[in-house]
PDB file of N, CA and C in Angstrom:
ATOM      1  N   UNK A   1     -13.539  69.403  99.901  1.00  0.00           N
ATOM      2  CA  UNK A   1     -13.978  70.275  99.087  1.00  0.00           C
ATOM      3  C   UNK A   1     -15.476  69.838  98.506  1.00  0.00           C
ATOM      4  N   UNK A   2     -15.537  68.565  98.086  1.00  0.00           N
ATOM      5  CA  UNK A   2     -16.599  67.950  97.289  1.00  0.00           C
ATOM      6  C   UNK A   2     -17.989  68.088  98.402  1.00  0.00           C
ATOM      7  N   UNK A   3     -17.611  67.742  99.495  1.00  0.00           N
ATOM      8  CA  UNK A   3     -18.982  67.833 100.590  1.00  0.00           C
ATOM      9  C   UNK A   3     -19.412  69.304 100.578  1.00  0.00           C
ATOM     10  N   UNK A   4     -18.454  70.265 100.952  1.00  0.00           N
ATOM     11  CA  UNK A   4     -19.037  71.651 101.211  1.00  0.00           C
ATOM     12  C   UNK A   4     -19.350  72.310  99.694  1.00  0.00           C
ATOM     13  N   UNK A   5     -18.727  72.087  98.634  1.00  0.00           N
ATOM     14  CA  UNK A   5     -19.029  72.617  97.601  1.00  0.00           C
ATOM     15  C   UNK A   5     -19.852  71.944  96.556  1.00  0.00           C
ATOM     16  N   UNK A   6     -20.467  71.047  96.844  1.00  0.00           N
ATOM     17  CA  UNK A   6     -21.385  70.242  96.022  1.00  0.00           C
ATOM     18  C   UNK A   6     -22.637  70.959  95.630  1.00  0.00           C
ATOM     19  N   UNK A   7     -23.058  71.027  94.364  1.00  0.00           N
ATOM     20  CA  UNK A   7     -24.361  71.753  94.086  1.00  0.00           C
ATOM     21  C   UNK A   7     -25.573  70.808  94.108  1.00  0.00           C
ATOM     22  N   UNK A   8     -26.700  71.220  94.740  1.00  0.00           N
ATOM     23  CA  UNK A   8     -27.653  70.418  95.019  1.00  0.00           C
ATOM     24  C   UNK A   8     -29.041  71.330  94.698  1.00  0.00           C
ATOM     25  N   UNK A   9     -30.158  70.729  93.970  1.00  0.00           N
ATOM     26  CA  UNK A   9     -31.335  71.293  93.783  1.00  0.00           C
ATOM     27  C   UNK A   9     -32.041  71.280  95.055  1.00  0.00           C
ATOM     28  N   UNK A  10     -32.718  72.425  95.420  1.00  0.00           N
ATOM     29  CA  UNK A  10     -33.676  72.527  96.596  1.00  0.00           C
ATOM     30  C   UNK A  10     -34.500  71.238  96.527  1.00  0.00           C
ATOM     31  N   UNK A  11     -34.641  70.530  97.595  1.00  0.00           N
ATOM     32  CA  UNK A  11     -35.895  69.466  97.469  1.00  0.00           C
ATOM     33  C   UNK A  11     -37.241  70.021  97.799  1.00  0.00           C
ATOM     34  N   UNK A  12     -37.546  71.030  97.914  1.00  0.00           N
ATOM     35  CA  UNK A  12     -38.837  71.754  98.491  1.00  0.00           C
ATOM     36  C   UNK A  12     -39.650  71.746  96.904  1.00  0.00           C
ATOM     37  N   UNK A  13     -40.772  70.980  96.782  1.00  0.00           N
ATOM     38  CA  UNK A  13     -41.642  70.947  95.761  1.00  0.00           C
ATOM     39  C   UNK A  13     -41.783  72.417  95.323  1.00  0.00           C
ATOM     40  N   UNK A  14     -41.869  72.505  93.969  1.00  0.00           N
ATOM     41  CA  UNK A  14     -42.067  73.789  93.135  1.00  0.00           C
ATOM     42  C   UNK A  14     -40.722  74.844  93.128  1.00  0.00           C
ATOM     43  N   UNK A  15     -39.649  74.261  93.859  1.00  0.00           N
ATOM     44  CA  UNK A  15     -38.469  75.202  93.858  1.00  0.00           C
ATOM     45  C   UNK A  15     -37.451  74.530  92.996  1.00  0.00           C
ATOM     46  N   UNK A  16     -36.896  75.322  92.203  1.00  0.00           N
ATOM     47  CA  UNK A  16     -36.000  74.865  91.244  1.00  0.00           C
ATOM     48  C   UNK A  16     -34.516  75.537  91.450  1.00  0.00           C
ATOM     49  N   UNK A  17     -34.468  75.997  92.303  1.00  0.00           N
ATOM     50  CA  UNK A  17     -33.050  76.651  92.975  1.00  0.00           C
ATOM     51  C   UNK A  17     -32.050  75.467  92.947  1.00  0.00           C
ATOM     52  N   UNK A  18     -30.933  75.711  92.487  1.00  0.00           N
ATOM     53  CA  UNK A  18     -29.444  74.882  92.524  1.00  0.00           C
ATOM     54  C   UNK A  18     -28.635  75.806  93.200  1.00  0.00           C
ATOM     55  N   UNK A  19     -28.267  75.406  94.523  1.00  0.00           N
ATOM     56  CA  UNK A  19     -27.121  76.011  95.164  1.00  0.00           C
ATOM     57  C   UNK A  19     -26.093  75.100  95.974  1.00  0.00           C
ATOM     58  N   UNK A  20     -25.168  75.554  96.400  1.00  0.00           N
ATOM     59  CA  UNK A  20     -24.071  74.793  97.098  1.00  0.00           C
ATOM     60  C   UNK A  20     -24.488  74.156  98.382  1.00  0.00           C
ATOM     61  N   UNK A  21     -24.235  73.056  98.692  1.00  0.00           N
ATOM     62  CA  UNK A  21     -24.641  72.286  99.853  1.00  0.00           C
ATOM     63  C   UNK A  21     -24.635  72.902 101.178  1.00  0.00           C
ATOM     64  N   UNK A  22     -23.503  73.874 101.152  1.00  0.00           N
ATOM     65  CA  UNK A  22     -23.561  74.847 102.607  1.00  0.00           C
ATOM     66  C   UNK A  22     -24.443  75.777 102.608  1.00  0.00           C
ATOM     67  N   UNK A  23     -25.133  76.267 101.228  1.00  0.00           N
ATOM     68  CA  UNK A  23     -26.061  77.209 101.486  1.00  0.00           C
ATOM     69  C   UNK A  23     -27.563  76.705 101.507  1.00  0.00           C
ATOM     70  N   UNK A  24     -27.806  75.508 101.682  1.00  0.00           N
ATOM     71  CA  UNK A  24     -29.218  74.982 101.622  1.00  0.00           C
ATOM     72  C   UNK A  24     -30.110  75.561 102.893  1.00  0.00           C
ATOM     73  N   UNK A  25     -29.383  75.572 104.082  1.00  0.00           N
ATOM     74  CA  UNK A  25     -30.119  76.060 105.148  1.00  0.00           C
ATOM     75  C   UNK A  25     -30.447  77.256 105.132  1.00  0.00           C
ATOM     76  N   UNK A  26     -29.569  77.922 104.640  1.00  0.00           N
ATOM     77  CA  UNK A  26     -30.008  79.663 104.467  1.00  0.00           C
ATOM     78  C   UNK A  26     -31.093  79.993 103.443  1.00  0.00           C
ATOM     79  N   UNK A  27     -30.921  79.275 102.065  1.00  0.00           N
ATOM     80  CA  UNK A  27     -31.790  79.282 101.297  1.00  0.00           C
ATOM     81  C   UNK A  27     -33.367  78.982 101.709  1.00  0.00           C
ATOM     82  N   UNK A  28     -33.302  77.811 102.591  1.00  0.00           N
ATOM     83  CA  UNK A  28     -34.820  77.597 102.997  1.00  0.00           C
ATOM     84  C   UNK A  28     -35.154  78.611 103.893  1.00  0.00           C
ATOM     85  N   UNK A  29     -34.217  79.133 104.883  1.00  0.00           N
ATOM     86  CA  UNK A  29     -34.912  80.146 105.815  1.00  0.00           C
ATOM     87  C   UNK A  29     -35.205  81.341 105.141  1.00  0.00           C
ATOM     88  N   UNK A  30     -34.546  81.702 103.963  1.00  0.00           N
ATOM     89  CA  UNK A  30     -34.770  83.028 103.338  1.00  0.00           C
ATOM     90  C   UNK A  30     -35.848  82.992 102.248  1.00  0.00           C
ATOM     91  N   UNK A  31     -35.818  81.744 101.830  1.00  0.00           N
ATOM     92  CA  UNK A  31     -36.851  81.664 100.672  1.00  0.00           C
ATOM     93  C   UNK A  31     -38.120  80.997 100.648  1.00  0.00           C
ATOM     94  N   UNK A  32     -38.389  80.184 101.787  1.00  0.00           N
ATOM     95  CA  UNK A  32     -39.543  79.353 102.005  1.00  0.00           C
ATOM     96  C   UNK A  32     -40.223  79.869 103.236  1.00  0.00           C
ATOM     97  N   UNK A  33     -41.519  79.833 103.333  1.00  0.00           N
ATOM     98  CA  UNK A  33     -42.309  80.159 104.420  1.00  0.00           C
ATOM     99  C   UNK A  33     -43.443  79.140 104.610  1.00  0.00           C
ATOM    100  N   UNK A  34     -44.329  79.799 105.594  1.00  0.00           N
ATOM    101  CA  UNK A  34     -45.608  78.852 105.876  1.00  0.00           C
ATOM    102  C   UNK A  34     -46.681  78.625 104.958  1.00  0.00           C
ATOM    103  N   UNK A  35     -46.648  79.293 103.665  1.00  0.00           N
ATOM    104  CA  UNK A  35     -47.955  79.335 102.828  1.00  0.00           C
ATOM    105  C   UNK A  35     -47.709  77.988 101.704  1.00  0.00           C
ATOM    106  N   UNK A  36     -48.779  77.657 101.568  1.00  0.00           N
ATOM    107  CA  UNK A  36     -49.029  76.488 100.689  1.00  0.00           C
ATOM    108  C   UNK A  36     -50.149  76.441  99.660  1.00  0.00           C
ATOM    109  N   UNK A  37     -50.046  75.716  98.768  1.00  0.00           N
ATOM    110  CA  UNK A  37     -51.110  75.799  97.445  1.00  0.00           C
ATOM    111  C   UNK A  37     -51.587  74.423  97.507  1.00  0.00           C
ATOM    112  N   UNK A  38     -53.046  74.463  97.651  1.00  0.00           N
ATOM    113  CA  UNK A  38     -53.983  73.239  97.601  1.00  0.00           C
ATOM    114  C   UNK A  38     -54.862  73.079  96.592  1.00  0.00           C
ATOM    115  N   UNK A  39     -54.426  73.888  95.026  1.00  0.00           N
ATOM    116  CA  UNK A  39     -55.176  73.836  94.025  1.00  0.00           C
ATOM    117  C   UNK A  39     -54.797  72.499  93.283  1.00  0.00           C
ATOM    118  N   UNK A  40     -55.870  72.134  92.742  1.00  0.00           N
ATOM    119  CA  UNK A  40     -55.564  70.937  91.666  1.00  0.00           C
ATOM    120  C   UNK A  40     -54.412  69.987  92.133  1.00  0.00           C
ATOM    121  N   UNK A  41     -53.586  69.644  91.431  1.00  0.00           N
ATOM    122  CA  UNK A  41     -52.381  68.667  91.536  1.00  0.00           C
ATOM    123  C   UNK A  41     -51.763  69.108  92.873  1.00  0.00           C
ATOM    124  N   UNK A  42     -51.534  70.373  93.078  1.00  0.00           N
ATOM    125  CA  UNK A  42     -50.501  70.720  94.069  1.00  0.00           C
ATOM    126  C   UNK A  42     -50.942  70.290  95.347  1.00  0.00           C
ATOM    127  N   UNK A  43     -52.073  69.921  95.724  1.00  0.00           N
ATOM    128  CA  UNK A  43     -52.346  69.406  97.036  1.00  0.00           C
ATOM    129  C   UNK A  43     -51.808  67.853  97.244  1.00  0.00           C
ATOM    130  N   UNK A  44     -51.371  67.149  96.068  1.00  0.00           N
ATOM    131  CA  UNK A  44     -50.528  66.069  96.254  1.00  0.00           C
ATOM    132  C   UNK A  44     -49.173  66.216  96.171  1.00  0.00           C
ATOM    133  N   UNK A  45     -48.470  67.455  95.833  1.00  0.00           N
ATOM    134  CA  UNK A  45     -47.296  67.574  95.626  1.00  0.00           C
ATOM    135  C   UNK A  45     -46.218  67.563  96.772  1.00  0.00           C
ATOM    136  N   UNK A  46     -46.744  67.715  98.009  1.00  0.00           N
ATOM    137  CA  UNK A  46     -46.075  67.994  99.101  1.00  0.00           C
ATOM    138  C   UNK A  46     -45.852  69.289  99.608  1.00  0.00           C
ATOM    139  N   UNK A  47     -45.360  69.614 100.600  1.00  0.00           N
ATOM    140  CA  UNK A  47     -45.202  70.912 101.482  1.00  0.00           C
ATOM    141  C   UNK A  47     -44.402  71.591 100.316  1.00  0.00           C
ATOM    142  N   UNK A  48     -44.799  72.879  99.831  1.00  0.00           N
ATOM    143  CA  UNK A  48     -43.824  73.632  99.079  1.00  0.00           C
ATOM    144  C   UNK A  48     -43.352  74.718  99.950  1.00  0.00           C
ATOM    145  N   UNK A  49     -43.764  75.210 101.005  1.00  0.00           N
ATOM    146  CA  UNK A  49     -43.404  76.166 101.884  1.00  0.00           C
ATOM    147  C   UNK A  49     -42.995  77.536 101.343  1.00  0.00           C
ATOM    148  N   UNK A  50     -43.958  78.215 100.424  1.00  0.00           N
ATOM    149  CA  UNK A  50     -43.722  79.543  99.839  1.00  0.00           C
ATOM    150  C   UNK A  50     -43.964  80.443 101.179  1.00  0.00           C
ATOM    151  N   UNK A  51     -43.146  81.644 100.741  1.00  0.00           N
ATOM    152  CA  UNK A  51     -43.210  82.847 101.290  1.00  0.00           C
ATOM    153  C   UNK A  51     -44.627  83.477 100.721  1.00  0.00           C
ATOM    154  N   UNK A  52     -45.177  84.576 101.305  1.00  0.00           N
ATOM    155  CA  UNK A  52     -46.453  85.008 100.606  1.00  0.00           C
ATOM    156  C   UNK A  52     -46.316  85.477  99.257  1.00  0.00           C
ATOM    157  N   UNK A  53     -45.039  86.256  99.173  1.00  0.00           N
ATOM    158  CA  UNK A  53     -44.624  86.581  97.744  1.00  0.00           C
ATOM    159  C   UNK A  53     -44.573  85.422  96.824  1.00  0.00           C
ATOM    160  N   UNK A  54     -44.127  84.233  97.312  1.00  0.00           N
ATOM    161  CA  UNK A  54     -43.687  83.027  96.672  1.00  0.00           C
ATOM    162  C   UNK A  54     -44.989  82.508  96.211  1.00  0.00           C
ATOM    163  N   UNK A  55     -45.849  82.518  97.037  1.00  0.00           N
ATOM    164  CA  UNK A  55     -47.109  81.946  96.867  1.00  0.00           C
ATOM    165  C   UNK A  55     -48.105  82.643  95.696  1.00  0.00           C
ATOM    166  N   UNK A  56     -47.958  84.009  95.840  1.00  0.00           N
ATOM    167  CA  UNK A  56     -48.635  84.748  95.046  1.00  0.00           C
ATOM    168  C   UNK A  56     -47.980  84.671  93.450  1.00  0.00           C
ATOM    169  N   UNK A  57     -46.626  84.570  93.383  1.00  0.00           N
ATOM    170  CA  UNK A  57     -45.969  84.199  92.086  1.00  0.00           C
ATOM    171  C   UNK A  57     -46.575  82.926  91.506  1.00  0.00           C
ATOM    172  N   UNK A  58     -46.448  81.936  92.564  1.00  0.00           N
ATOM    173  CA  UNK A  58     -46.897  80.679  92.072  1.00  0.00           C
ATOM    174  C   UNK A  58     -48.461  80.662  91.452  1.00  0.00           C
ATOM    175  N   UNK A  59     -49.112  81.322  92.132  1.00  0.00           N
ATOM    176  CA  UNK A  59     -50.713  81.346  91.575  1.00  0.00           C
ATOM    177  C   UNK A  59     -50.866  82.066  90.192  1.00  0.00           C
ATOM    178  N   UNK A  60     -50.066  83.085  90.364  1.00  0.00           N
ATOM    179  CA  UNK A  60     -49.813  83.874  89.023  1.00  0.00           C
ATOM    180  C   UNK A  60     -49.223  83.219  87.874  1.00  0.00           C
ATOM    181  N   UNK A  61     -48.301  82.417  87.860  1.00  0.00           N
ATOM    182  CA  UNK A  61     -47.440  81.973  87.001  1.00  0.00           C
ATOM    183  C   UNK A  61     -47.847  80.354  86.678  1.00  0.00           C
ATOM    184  N   UNK A  62     -48.091  79.825  87.557  1.00  0.00           N
ATOM    185  CA  UNK A  62     -48.349  78.381  87.430  1.00  0.00           C
ATOM    186  C   UNK A  62     -49.883  77.842  87.488  1.00  0.00           C
ATOM    187  N   UNK A  63     -50.657  78.934  88.003  1.00  0.00           N
ATOM    188  CA  UNK A  63     -52.171  78.563  87.987  1.00  0.00           C
ATOM    189  C   UNK A  63     -52.637  79.412  86.962  1.00  0.00           C
ATOM    190  N   UNK A  64     -52.350  80.438  86.458  1.00  0.00           N
ATOM    191  CA  UNK A  64     -52.675  81.441  85.551  1.00  0.00           C
ATOM    192  C   UNK A  64     -53.821  82.262  86.118  1.00  0.00           C
ATOM    193  N   UNK A  65     -53.715  82.588  87.382  1.00  0.00           N
ATOM    194  CA  UNK A  65     -54.492  83.356  87.953  1.00  0.00           C
ATOM    195  C   UNK A  65     -54.655  84.952  87.593  1.00  0.00           C
ATOM    196  N   UNK A  66     -55.729  85.611  87.290  1.00  0.00           N
ATOM    197  CA  UNK A  66     -55.670  87.062  87.053  1.00  0.00           C
ATOM    198  C   UNK A  66     -55.414  87.832  88.343  1.00  0.00           C
ATOM    199  N   UNK A  67     -55.040  88.722  88.029  1.00  0.00           N
ATOM    200  CA  UNK A  67     -54.802  89.728  89.320  1.00  0.00           C
ATOM    201  C   UNK A  67     -55.946  90.001  90.325  1.00  0.00           C
ATOM    202  N   UNK A  68     -57.020  90.184  89.705  1.00  0.00           N
ATOM    203  CA  UNK A  68     -58.357  90.481  90.418  1.00  0.00           C
ATOM    204  C   UNK A  68     -58.509  89.131  91.199  1.00  0.00           C
ATOM    205  N   UNK A  69     -58.417  87.778  90.653  1.00  0.00           N
ATOM    206  CA  UNK A  69     -58.719  86.529  91.371  1.00  0.00           C
ATOM    207  C   UNK A  69     -57.300  86.442  92.259  1.00  0.00           C
ATOM    208  N   UNK A  70     -56.594  86.788  92.077  1.00  0.00           N
ATOM    209  CA  UNK A  70     -55.257  86.512  93.044  1.00  0.00           C
ATOM    210  C   UNK A  70     -55.428  87.471  94.217  1.00  0.00           C
ATOM    211  N   UNK A  71     -55.900  88.593  93.993  1.00  0.00           N
ATOM    212  CA  UNK A  71     -56.111  89.606  95.325  1.00  0.00           C
ATOM    213  C   UNK A  71     -57.222  88.975  96.184  1.00  0.00           C
ATOM    214  N   UNK A  72     -58.357  88.591  95.471  1.00  0.00           N
ATOM    215  CA  UNK A  72     -59.477  87.877  96.228  1.00  0.00           C
ATOM    216  C   UNK A  72     -59.187  86.673  96.998  1.00  0.00           C
ATOM    217  N   UNK A  73     -58.242  85.963  96.184  1.00  0.00           N
ATOM    218  CA  UNK A  73     -57.931  84.486  96.964  1.00  0.00           C
ATOM    219  C   UNK A  73     -57.016  84.706  97.895  1.00  0.00           C
ATOM    220  N   UNK A  74     -56.045  85.789  98.058  1.00  0.00           N
ATOM    221  CA  UNK A  74     -55.348  86.118  99.110  1.00  0.00           C
ATOM    222  C   UNK A  74     -56.121  86.685 100.339  1.00  0.00           C
ATOM    223  N   UNK A  75     -56.905  87.519  99.777  1.00  0.00           N
ATOM    224  CA  UNK A  75     -57.828  88.267 100.953  1.00  0.00           C
ATOM    225  C   UNK A  75     -58.872  87.335 101.532  1.00  0.00           C
ATOM    226  N   UNK A  76     -59.194  86.321 100.960  1.00  0.00           N
ATOM    227  CA  UNK A  76     -60.312  85.119 101.219  1.00  0.00           C
ATOM    228  C   UNK A  76     -59.491  84.444 102.330  1.00  0.00           C
ATOM    229  N   UNK A  77     -58.171  84.146 101.987  1.00  0.00           N
ATOM    230  CA  UNK A  77     -57.081  83.447 102.788  1.00  0.00           C
ATOM    231  C   UNK A  77     -56.951  84.061 104.046  1.00  0.00           C
ATOM    232  N   UNK A  78     -56.674  85.227 104.190  1.00  0.00           N
ATOM    233  CA  UNK A  78     -56.396  86.187 105.518  1.00  0.00           C
ATOM    234  C   UNK A  78     -57.860  86.261 106.259  1.00  0.00           C
ATOM    235  N   UNK A  79     -58.700  86.259 105.670  1.00  0.00           N
ATOM    236  CA  UNK A  79     -60.526  86.302 106.506  1.00  0.00           C
ATOM    237  C   UNK A  79     -60.207  84.808 107.102  1.00  0.00           C
ATOM    238  N   UNK A  80     -59.817  83.728 106.420  1.00  0.00           N
ATOM    239  CA  UNK A  80     -60.131  82.608 107.001  1.00  0.00           C
ATOM    240  C   UNK A  80     -58.916  82.177 108.125  1.00  0.00           C
ATOM    241  N   UNK A  81     -57.844  82.905 108.187  1.00  0.00           N
ATOM    242  CA  UNK A  81     -56.752  82.967 109.006  1.00  0.00           C
ATOM    243  C   UNK A  81     -55.950  81.479 108.689  1.00  0.00           C
ATOM    244  N   UNK A  82     -55.851  81.341 107.310  1.00  0.00           N
ATOM    245  CA  UNK A  82     -55.210  80.302 106.831  1.00  0.00           C
ATOM    246  C   UNK A  82     -53.936  80.648 105.775  1.00  0.00           C
ATOM    247  N   UNK A  83     -53.003  79.852 105.958  1.00  0.00           N
ATOM    248  CA  UNK A  83     -51.797  80.115 104.866  1.00  0.00           C
ATOM    249  C   UNK A  83     -51.970  78.952 103.746  1.00  0.00           C
ATOM    250  N   UNK A  84     -53.000  78.274 103.746  1.00  0.00           N
ATOM    251  CA  UNK A  84     -52.875  77.193 102.740  1.00  0.00           C
ATOM    252  C   UNK A  84     -54.207  77.846 101.560  1.00  0.00           C
ATOM    253  N   UNK A  85     -53.689  78.096 100.545  1.00  0.00           N
ATOM    254  CA  UNK A  85     -54.759  78.518  99.384  1.00  0.00           C
ATOM    255  C   UNK A  85     -55.513  77.208  98.786  1.00  0.00           C
ATOM    256  N   UNK A  86     -56.913  77.262  99.038  1.00  0.00           N
ATOM    257  CA  UNK A  86     -57.666  76.100  98.485  1.00  0.00           C
ATOM    258  C   UNK A  86     -58.919  76.624  97.617  1.00  0.00           C
ATOM    259  N   UNK A  87     -59.409  75.770  97.087  1.00  0.00           N
ATOM    260  CA  UNK A  87     -60.575  76.138  96.105  1.00  0.00           C
ATOM    261  C   UNK A  87     -61.590  76.906  96.903  1.00  0.00           C
ATOM    262  N   UNK A  88     -61.835  76.873  97.952  1.00  0.00           N
ATOM    263  CA  UNK A  88     -62.831  77.774  98.572  1.00  0.00           C
ATOM    264  C   UNK A  88     -62.433  79.097  98.774  1.00  0.00           C
ATOM    265  N   UNK A  89     -61.266  79.414  98.598  1.00  0.00           N
ATOM    266  CA  UNK A  89     -60.553  80.995  98.688  1.00  0.00           C
ATOM    267  C   UNK A  89     -60.636  81.633  97.218  1.00  0.00           C
ATOM    268  N   UNK A  90     -60.884  80.770  96.257  1.00  0.00           N
ATOM    269  CA  UNK A  90     -60.921  81.301  94.883  1.00  0.00           C
ATOM    270  C   UNK A  90     -62.241  81.909  94.625  1.00  0.00           C
ATOM    271  N   UNK A  91     -61.989  82.950  94.266  1.00  0.00           N
ATOM    272  CA  UNK A  91     -63.599  83.798  93.930  1.00  0.00           C
ATOM    273  C   UNK A  91     -64.351  83.332  92.946  1.00  0.00           C
ATOM    274  N   UNK A  92     -65.701  82.867  93.358  1.00  0.00           N
ATOM    275  CA  UNK A  92     -66.446  82.260  92.156  1.00  0.00           C
ATOM    276  C   UNK A  92     -67.534  83.408  91.653  1.00  0.00           C
ATOM    277  N   UNK A  93     -67.829  84.483  92.522  1.00  0.00           N
ATOM    278  CA  UNK A  93     -68.555  85.641  91.958  1.00  0.00           C
ATOM    279  C   UNK A  93     -70.042  85.014  91.296  1.00  0.00           C
ATOM    280  N   UNK A  94     -70.394  83.868  91.898  1.00  0.00           N
ATOM    281  CA  UNK A  94     -71.798  83.387  91.472  1.00  0.00           C
ATOM    282  C   UNK A  94     -71.477  82.476  90.349  1.00  0.00           C
ATOM    283  N   UNK A  95     -70.219  82.363  89.731  1.00  0.00           N
ATOM    284  CA  UNK A  95     -70.077  81.456  88.537  1.00  0.00           C
ATOM    285  C   UNK A  95     -69.313  80.047  89.211  1.00  0.00           C
ATOM    286  N   UNK A  96     -69.164  79.200  88.412  1.00  0.00           N
ATOM    287  CA  UNK A  96     -68.368  77.716  88.876  1.00  0.00           C
ATOM    288  C   UNK A  96     -67.055  78.223  88.895  1.00  0.00           C
ATOM    289  N   UNK A  97     -66.361  77.937  90.063  1.00  0.00           N
ATOM    290  CA  UNK A  97     -65.316  78.161  90.422  1.00  0.00           C
ATOM    291  C   UNK A  97     -64.063  77.543  89.362  1.00  0.00           C
ATOM    292  N   UNK A  98     -63.140  78.074  88.864  1.00  0.00           N
ATOM    293  CA  UNK A  98     -62.066  77.509  87.786  1.00  0.00           C
ATOM    294  C   UNK A  98     -60.772  78.246  87.902  1.00  0.00           C
ATOM    295  N   UNK A  99     -59.785  77.339  87.907  1.00  0.00           N
ATOM    296  CA  UNK A  99     -58.485  77.930  87.872  1.00  0.00           C
ATOM    297  C   UNK A  99     -57.716  76.910  86.868  1.00  0.00           C
ATOM    298  N   UNK A 100     -56.666  77.008  86.412  1.00  0.00           N
ATOM    299  CA  UNK A 100     -55.787  76.353  85.683  1.00  0.00           C
ATOM    300  C   UNK A 100     -54.791  75.488  86.671  1.00  0.00           C
ATOM    301  N   UNK A 101     -54.893  74.122  86.277  1.00  0.00           N
ATOM    302  CA  UNK A 101     -53.882  73.206  87.141  1.00  0.00           C
ATOM    303  C   UNK A 101     -52.417  73.646  87.040  1.00  0.00           C
ATOM    304  N   UNK A 102     -51.700  73.415  88.262  1.00  0.00           N
ATOM    305  CA  UNK A 102     -50.369  73.739  88.132  1.00  0.00           C
ATOM    306  C   UNK A 102     -49.651  73.201  86.965  1.00  0.00           C
ATOM    307  N   UNK A 103     -48.793  74.334  86.244  1.00  0.00           N
ATOM    308  CA  UNK A 103     -48.035  73.948  85.001  1.00  0.00           C
ATOM    309  C   UNK A 103     -46.643  72.844  85.425  1.00  0.00           C
ATOM    310  N   UNK A 104     -46.532  72.962  86.955  1.00  0.00           N
ATOM    311  CA  UNK A 104     -45.344  72.339  87.277  1.00  0.00           C
ATOM    312  C   UNK A 104     -45.645  70.950  87.759  1.00  0.00           C
ATOM    313  N   UNK A 105     -47.039  70.603  88.403  1.00  0.00           N
ATOM    314  CA  UNK A 105     -47.502  69.538  88.904  1.00  0.00           C
ATOM    315  C   UNK A 105     -48.291  68.592  88.038  1.00  0.00           C
ATOM    316  N   UNK A 106     -48.639  69.149  86.983  1.00  0.00           N
ATOM    317  CA  UNK A 106     -49.532  68.438  85.983  1.00  0.00           C
ATOM    318  C   UNK A 106     -49.354  69.061  84.655  1.00  0.00           C
ATOM    319  N   UNK A 107     -48.000  68.841  84.256  1.00  0.00           N
ATOM    320  CA  UNK A 107     -47.708  69.696  82.853  1.00  0.00           C
ATOM    321  C   UNK A 107     -48.490  68.751  81.727  1.00  0.00           C
ATOM    322  N   UNK A 108     -48.776  67.619  81.773  1.00  0.00           N
ATOM    323  CA  UNK A 108     -49.292  66.676  80.982  1.00  0.00           C
ATOM    324  C   UNK A 108     -50.886  67.099  80.886  1.00  0.00           C
ATOM    325  N   UNK A 109     -51.475  67.472  81.816  1.00  0.00           N
ATOM    326  CA  UNK A 109     -52.962  67.857  81.551  1.00  0.00           C
ATOM    327  C   UNK A 109     -53.254  69.299  81.044  1.00  0.00           C
ATOM    328  N   UNK A 110     -52.687  70.239  81.620  1.00  0.00           N
ATOM    329  CA  UNK A 110     -52.735  71.622  81.403  1.00  0.00           C
ATOM    330  C   UNK A 110     -53.994  72.289  81.145  1.00  0.00           C
ATOM    331  N   UNK A 111     -55.081  71.396  81.324  1.00  0.00           N
ATOM    332  CA  UNK A 111     -56.574  72.143  81.400  1.00  0.00           C
ATOM    333  C   UNK A 111     -56.972  72.685  82.780  1.00  0.00           C
ATOM    334  N   UNK A 112     -58.282  72.840  82.616  1.00  0.00           N
ATOM    335  CA  UNK A 112     -58.985  73.594  83.822  1.00  0.00           C
ATOM    336  C   UNK A 112     -59.503  72.650  84.842  1.00  0.00           C
ATOM    337  N   UNK A 113     -59.552  73.022  85.974  1.00  0.00           N
ATOM    338  CA  UNK A 113     -60.029  72.011  87.114  1.00  0.00           C
ATOM    339  C   UNK A 113     -61.331  72.893  87.747  1.00  0.00           C
ATOM    340  N   UNK A 114     -62.220  72.175  88.046  1.00  0.00           N
ATOM    341  CA  UNK A 114     -63.292  73.024  88.935  1.00  0.00           C
ATOM    342  C   UNK A 114     -63.225  72.589  90.229  1.00  0.00           C
TER     343      UNK A 114
END
């Protein structure tokens, strides 16, 4: 009983789901995918394995991206044929590129990175 019904936290970075041991494989298959974030401290956090929707939620909530910047970032990733969000995908519109660092990876910093 303890082996099959022990509750675990998903060990994928940025995932805070707590599930039963026997459900971990199903959770990873259904909730994680090929998308990664390499903005700020996220590039040092390890593979997050986001789904596309999960990456969008992550960029919106943890990097505080505006809807327009988010749409352009995803479009630029698609044009590059990559599943990793990097600073070069963030739209700069002739200005210095800026985004907020991840609230999960660098909560002590909370500032902007270029």
